[in-house]
Amino acid sequence: MTEPLYQLTDLSKRYTRGKESITIFEKLTMTIPAGDFIAIMGPSGSGKTTLLNLLGGIDAPSSGEVVFEGKRIDNMSQGALAKWRAANVGFIFQFYNLMPTLTAAQNVELPLLLTKLGGKERKQRVRTALDIVGIADRAGHRPTQLSGGQQQRVAIARAIVADPEVLLCDEPTGDLDRATADEVLATLQLLNKELGKAIVMVTHDPSAAKYAQRELHLDKGRFVEKELVT
């Protein structure tokens, strides 16, 4: 039996606000196979971004386990988590989070500066990542010289440049028009189908969710799943 990419078991997450305890999840269990493409939908405040943070090791559960490829990450030290994230996870956000003073190529290279790769190999990986997302001809442009869709492609290239197993996407097309959003989503679908990247995407957009293999609707700490035809 193939080991899942992620296994979440009895996951609970609570926040304390003053004297009040707010429960986001209570004993949430889910499995994410390798190469999956999930769209997570649900009302605001349902915990979608919190779930991404738990999958990415940015936040820790109040109880329960987060297991990645057979190894628990919820009890790792911050140093170990940083190394794990650098090797296994790419993040894509709604507002790109690009450094405005750096070129597209330099933005994409940033995650590799934390590795032991030499300059020549870093440059090669950057060129490959930009080529995959179809924006190699804009390598020398700064973010202000790029359209929103081009900036998001740079952000995707940055997310894949270290060849991670999974991409965690928080409203990746929320700031784009429909045509540009579809182009970006088609790129994500290509990364999933052709390169085998697992993708977990939070979105409010039903049209975006159709690019995924399946939908998970999160409400009151529980999932309702809907299989999609791709």
Protein backbone atom coordinates (compact mmCIF):
# COMPACT_ATOMS: atom_id res chain seq x y z
CA MET A 1 0.00 0.00 0.00
CA THR A 2 1.40 3.39 -1.01
CA GLU A 3 2.17 5.71 1.88
CA PRO A 4 0.13 8.94 1.76
CA LEU A 5 1.82 12.30 1.39
CA TYR A 6 -0.02 13.69 4.43
CA GLN A 7 -1.95 11.97 7.16
CA LEU A 8 -3.76 14.18 9.67
CA THR A 9 -5.14 12.33 12.68
CA ASP A 10 -7.50 13.69 15.37
CA LEU A 11 -6.28 17.20 14.62
CA SER A 12 -7.55 19.92 16.93
CA LYS A 13 -6.74 23.62 16.84
CA ARG A 14 -7.85 26.12 19.45
CA TYR A 15 -7.03 29.77 20.03
CA THR A 16 -7.44 31.71 23.26
CA ARG A 17 -8.80 35.23 23.06
CA GLY A 18 -8.92 36.73 26.53
CA LYS A 19 -10.90 34.26 28.61
CA GLU A 20 -12.56 32.76 25.55
CA SER A 21 -11.35 29.58 23.83
CA ILE A 22 -12.11 29.41 20.11
CA THR A 23 -12.10 25.98 18.46
CA ILE A 24 -11.21 25.86 14.76
CA PHE A 25 -10.93 22.06 14.36
CA GLU A 26 -11.86 19.23 16.69
CA LYS A 27 -10.46 15.75 15.91
CA LEU A 28 -10.14 16.43 12.17
CA THR A 29 -8.78 13.50 10.20
CA MET A 30 -7.82 13.56 6.52
CA THR A 31 -5.48 11.87 4.06
CA ILE A 32 -3.74 13.55 1.12
CA PRO A 33 -2.23 11.12 -1.40
CA ALA A 34 0.94 11.97 -3.30
CA GLY A 35 0.13 13.87 -6.50
CA ASP A 36 -3.31 14.97 -5.28
CA PHE A 37 -4.87 18.33 -6.26
CA ILE A 38 -7.40 19.51 -3.69
CA ALA A 39 -9.49 22.67 -3.69
CA ILE A 40 -10.56 23.65 -0.18
CA MET A 41 -13.63 25.84 0.00
CA GLY A 42 -15.76 27.12 2.84
CA PRO A 43 -17.07 30.26 4.53
CA SER A 44 -14.75 32.93 5.87
CA GLY A 45 -13.44 31.98 9.29
CA SER A 46 -13.89 28.25 8.70
CA GLY A 47 -10.18 27.59 9.16
CA LYS A 48 -9.00 27.14 5.55
CA THR A 49 -5.83 29.20 5.94
CA THR A 50 -5.20 27.70 9.38
CA LEU A 51 -5.24 24.27 7.75
CA LEU A 52 -2.67 25.40 5.16
CA ASN A 53 -0.48 26.72 7.97
CA LEU A 54 -0.68 23.37 9.75
CA LEU A 55 0.20 21.50 6.56
CA GLY A 56 3.14 23.84 6.01
CA GLY A 57 4.43 23.57 9.55
CA ILE A 58 3.92 27.30 10.10
CA ASP A 59 1.46 26.61 12.89
CA ALA A 60 1.22 23.68 15.32
CA PRO A 61 -1.97 21.83 16.28
CA SER A 62 -3.33 22.01 19.81
CA SER A 63 -3.52 18.20 19.70
CA GLY A 64 -3.36 15.42 17.15
CA GLU A 65 -0.74 14.54 14.56
CA VAL A 66 0.43 15.91 11.21
CA VAL A 67 2.44 13.23 9.40
CA PHE A 68 4.29 13.87 6.13
CA GLU A 69 5.59 10.84 4.24
CA GLY A 70 5.50 8.79 7.42
CA LYS A 71 7.22 11.35 9.64
CA ARG A 72 5.53 13.59 12.19
CA ILE A 73 6.12 17.30 11.65
CA ASP A 74 3.89 18.67 14.40
CA ASN A 75 6.52 17.98 17.08
CA MET A 76 9.60 19.13 15.16
CA SER A 77 11.78 21.96 16.43
CA GLN A 78 11.61 25.28 14.59
CA GLY A 79 15.03 24.66 13.04
CA ALA A 80 14.04 21.21 11.80
CA LEU A 81 10.76 22.59 10.45
CA ALA A 82 12.56 25.31 8.52
CA LYS A 83 14.77 22.71 6.83
CA TRP A 84 11.77 20.47 6.16
CA ARG A 85 9.77 23.32 4.57
CA ALA A 86 12.71 24.36 2.38
CA ALA A 87 13.00 20.84 1.00
CA ASN A 88 9.34 19.83 0.70
CA VAL A 89 6.90 22.74 0.51
CA GLY A 90 6.27 25.62 -1.89
CA PHE A 91 3.93 28.46 -0.89
CA ILE A 92 1.82 30.55 -3.30
CA PHE A 93 -0.15 33.53 -1.99
CA GLN A 94 -2.85 35.83 -3.32
CA PHE A 95 -0.64 38.94 -3.36
CA TYR A 96 2.53 37.27 -4.73
CA ASN A 97 4.89 38.50 -1.95
CA LEU A 98 7.64 39.40 -4.40
CA MET A 99 10.56 41.64 -3.44
CA PRO A 100 10.00 44.85 -5.46
CA THR A 101 13.71 45.71 -5.82
CA LEU A 102 14.63 42.30 -7.24
CA THR A 103 14.17 40.99 -10.76
CA ALA A 104 11.92 38.02 -11.50
CA ALA A 105 14.96 35.73 -11.63
CA GLN A 106 16.32 37.07 -8.35
CA ASN A 107 12.93 36.58 -6.65
CA VAL A 108 12.78 32.99 -7.86
CA GLU A 109 16.33 32.36 -6.64
CA LEU A 110 15.63 33.48 -3.06
CA PRO A 111 14.66 30.03 -1.64
CA LEU A 112 17.83 28.51 -3.11
CA LEU A 113 20.04 30.93 -1.18
CA LEU A 114 19.26 28.84 1.90
CA THR A 115 20.64 25.70 0.26
CA LYS A 116 24.17 24.47 -0.43
CA LEU A 117 23.75 24.78 -4.21
CA GLY A 118 26.44 26.66 -6.09
CA GLY A 119 25.70 29.77 -8.11
CA LYS A 120 25.74 27.99 -11.47
CA GLU A 121 23.22 25.35 -10.39
CA ARG A 122 21.01 27.99 -8.77
CA LYS A 123 20.90 29.96 -12.03
CA GLN A 124 20.04 26.81 -13.98
CA ARG A 125 17.20 25.94 -11.64
CA VAL A 126 15.84 29.48 -11.87
CA ARG A 127 15.87 29.33 -15.68
CA THR A 128 14.11 25.97 -15.63
CA ALA A 129 11.42 27.16 -13.19
CA LEU A 130 10.73 30.33 -15.18
CA ASP A 131 10.57 28.30 -18.38
CA ILE A 132 8.07 25.84 -16.87
CA VAL A 133 5.66 28.66 -16.01
CA GLY A 134 6.20 30.34 -19.38
CA ILE A 135 7.82 33.56 -18.27
CA ALA A 136 11.52 33.05 -18.98
CA ASP A 137 11.48 36.11 -21.26
CA ARG A 138 10.67 38.31 -18.25
CA ALA A 139 13.55 37.07 -16.08
CA GLY A 140 15.21 40.50 -15.91
CA HIS A 141 12.03 42.47 -15.15
CA ARG A 142 11.09 43.76 -11.72
CA PRO A 143 7.57 43.17 -10.30
CA THR A 144 6.39 46.70 -11.19
CA GLN A 145 7.18 45.92 -14.82
CA LEU A 146 4.99 42.80 -14.81
CA SER A 147 1.24 42.26 -14.97
CA GLY A 148 -0.60 40.59 -12.09
CA GLY A 149 -0.66 37.28 -13.93
CA GLN A 150 3.04 37.50 -14.71
CA GLN A 151 3.83 38.29 -11.07
CA GLN A 152 1.87 35.24 -9.95
CA ARG A 153 3.78 33.08 -12.45
CA VAL A 154 7.01 34.37 -10.92
CA ALA A 155 5.62 33.43 -7.51
CA ILE A 156 4.80 29.93 -8.79
CA ALA A 157 8.31 29.61 -10.23
CA ARG A 158 9.72 30.61 -6.84
CA ALA A 159 7.52 27.97 -5.18
CA ILE A 160 8.72 25.14 -7.45
CA VAL A 161 12.39 26.10 -7.88
CA ALA A 162 13.52 23.83 -5.02
CA ASP A 163 11.45 20.94 -6.47
CA PRO A 164 9.09 20.51 -3.48
CA GLU A 165 6.63 17.65 -3.08
CA VAL A 166 3.64 19.89 -2.36
CA LEU A 167 2.40 23.38 -3.22
CA LEU A 168 0.20 25.17 -0.68
CA CYS A 169 -1.83 27.88 -2.39
CA ASP A 170 -3.86 30.50 -0.49
CA GLU A 171 -6.32 32.20 -2.90
CA PRO A 172 -3.71 32.17 -5.71
CA THR A 173 -6.08 33.81 -8.23
CA GLY A 174 -8.03 36.06 -5.87
CA ASP A 175 -6.43 39.24 -7.25
CA LEU A 176 -6.67 38.32 -10.95
CA ASP A 177 -9.26 38.75 -13.68
CA ARG A 178 -10.99 35.63 -15.00
CA ALA A 179 -8.86 35.11 -18.11
CA THR A 180 -5.59 35.59 -16.24
CA ALA A 181 -6.81 33.42 -13.36
CA ASP A 182 -7.56 30.60 -15.79
CA GLU A 183 -4.04 30.85 -17.21
CA VAL A 184 -2.51 30.61 -13.74
CA LEU A 185 -4.79 27.72 -12.78
CA ALA A 186 -3.88 25.90 -15.99
CA THR A 187 -0.23 26.26 -14.96
CA LEU A 188 -0.98 24.73 -11.56
CA GLN A 189 -2.87 21.90 -13.25
CA LEU A 190 0.13 21.29 -15.51
CA LEU A 191 2.45 21.11 -12.50
CA ASN A 192 0.11 18.57 -10.96
CA LYS A 193 -0.45 16.38 -14.01
CA GLU A 194 2.94 16.57 -15.69
CA LEU A 195 5.33 16.99 -12.75
CA GLY A 196 3.31 15.17 -10.10
CA LYS A 197 3.20 18.05 -7.63
CA ALA A 198 0.59 17.68 -4.92
CA ILE A 199 -1.44 20.89 -4.61
CA VAL A 200 -3.66 22.06 -1.77
CA MET A 201 -5.47 25.23 -2.84
CA VAL A 202 -7.72 27.41 -0.71
CA THR A 203 -10.20 29.34 -2.84
CA HIS A 204 -13.59 31.06 -2.69
CA ASP A 205 -13.96 30.71 -6.47
CA PRO A 206 -15.99 27.71 -7.75
CA SER A 207 -14.47 28.22 -11.22
CA ALA A 208 -10.98 27.84 -9.74
CA ALA A 209 -11.99 24.74 -7.80
CA LYS A 210 -12.92 22.99 -11.06
CA TYR A 211 -9.23 22.75 -11.95
CA ALA A 212 -8.64 20.46 -8.96
CA GLN A 213 -9.16 16.70 -8.78
CA ARG A 214 -11.51 17.09 -5.85
CA GLU A 215 -13.16 19.66 -3.61
CA LEU A 216 -13.22 19.64 0.16
CA HIS A 217 -15.77 21.96 1.71
CA LEU A 218 -14.72 22.97 5.19
CA ASP A 219 -17.43 24.03 7.62
CA LYS A 220 -17.46 23.88 11.40
CA GLY A 221 -14.28 21.84 11.47
CA ARG A 222 -15.50 19.10 9.13
CA PHE A 223 -15.05 18.25 5.46
CA VAL A 224 -17.58 17.37 2.80
CA GLU A 225 -15.84 15.99 -0.27
CA LYS A 226 -16.88 16.31 -3.90
CA GLU A 227 -15.03 14.45 -6.64
CA LEU A 228 -14.33 16.46 -9.81
CA VAL A 229 -13.98 15.41 -13.42
CA THR A 230 -10.71 16.66 -14.93
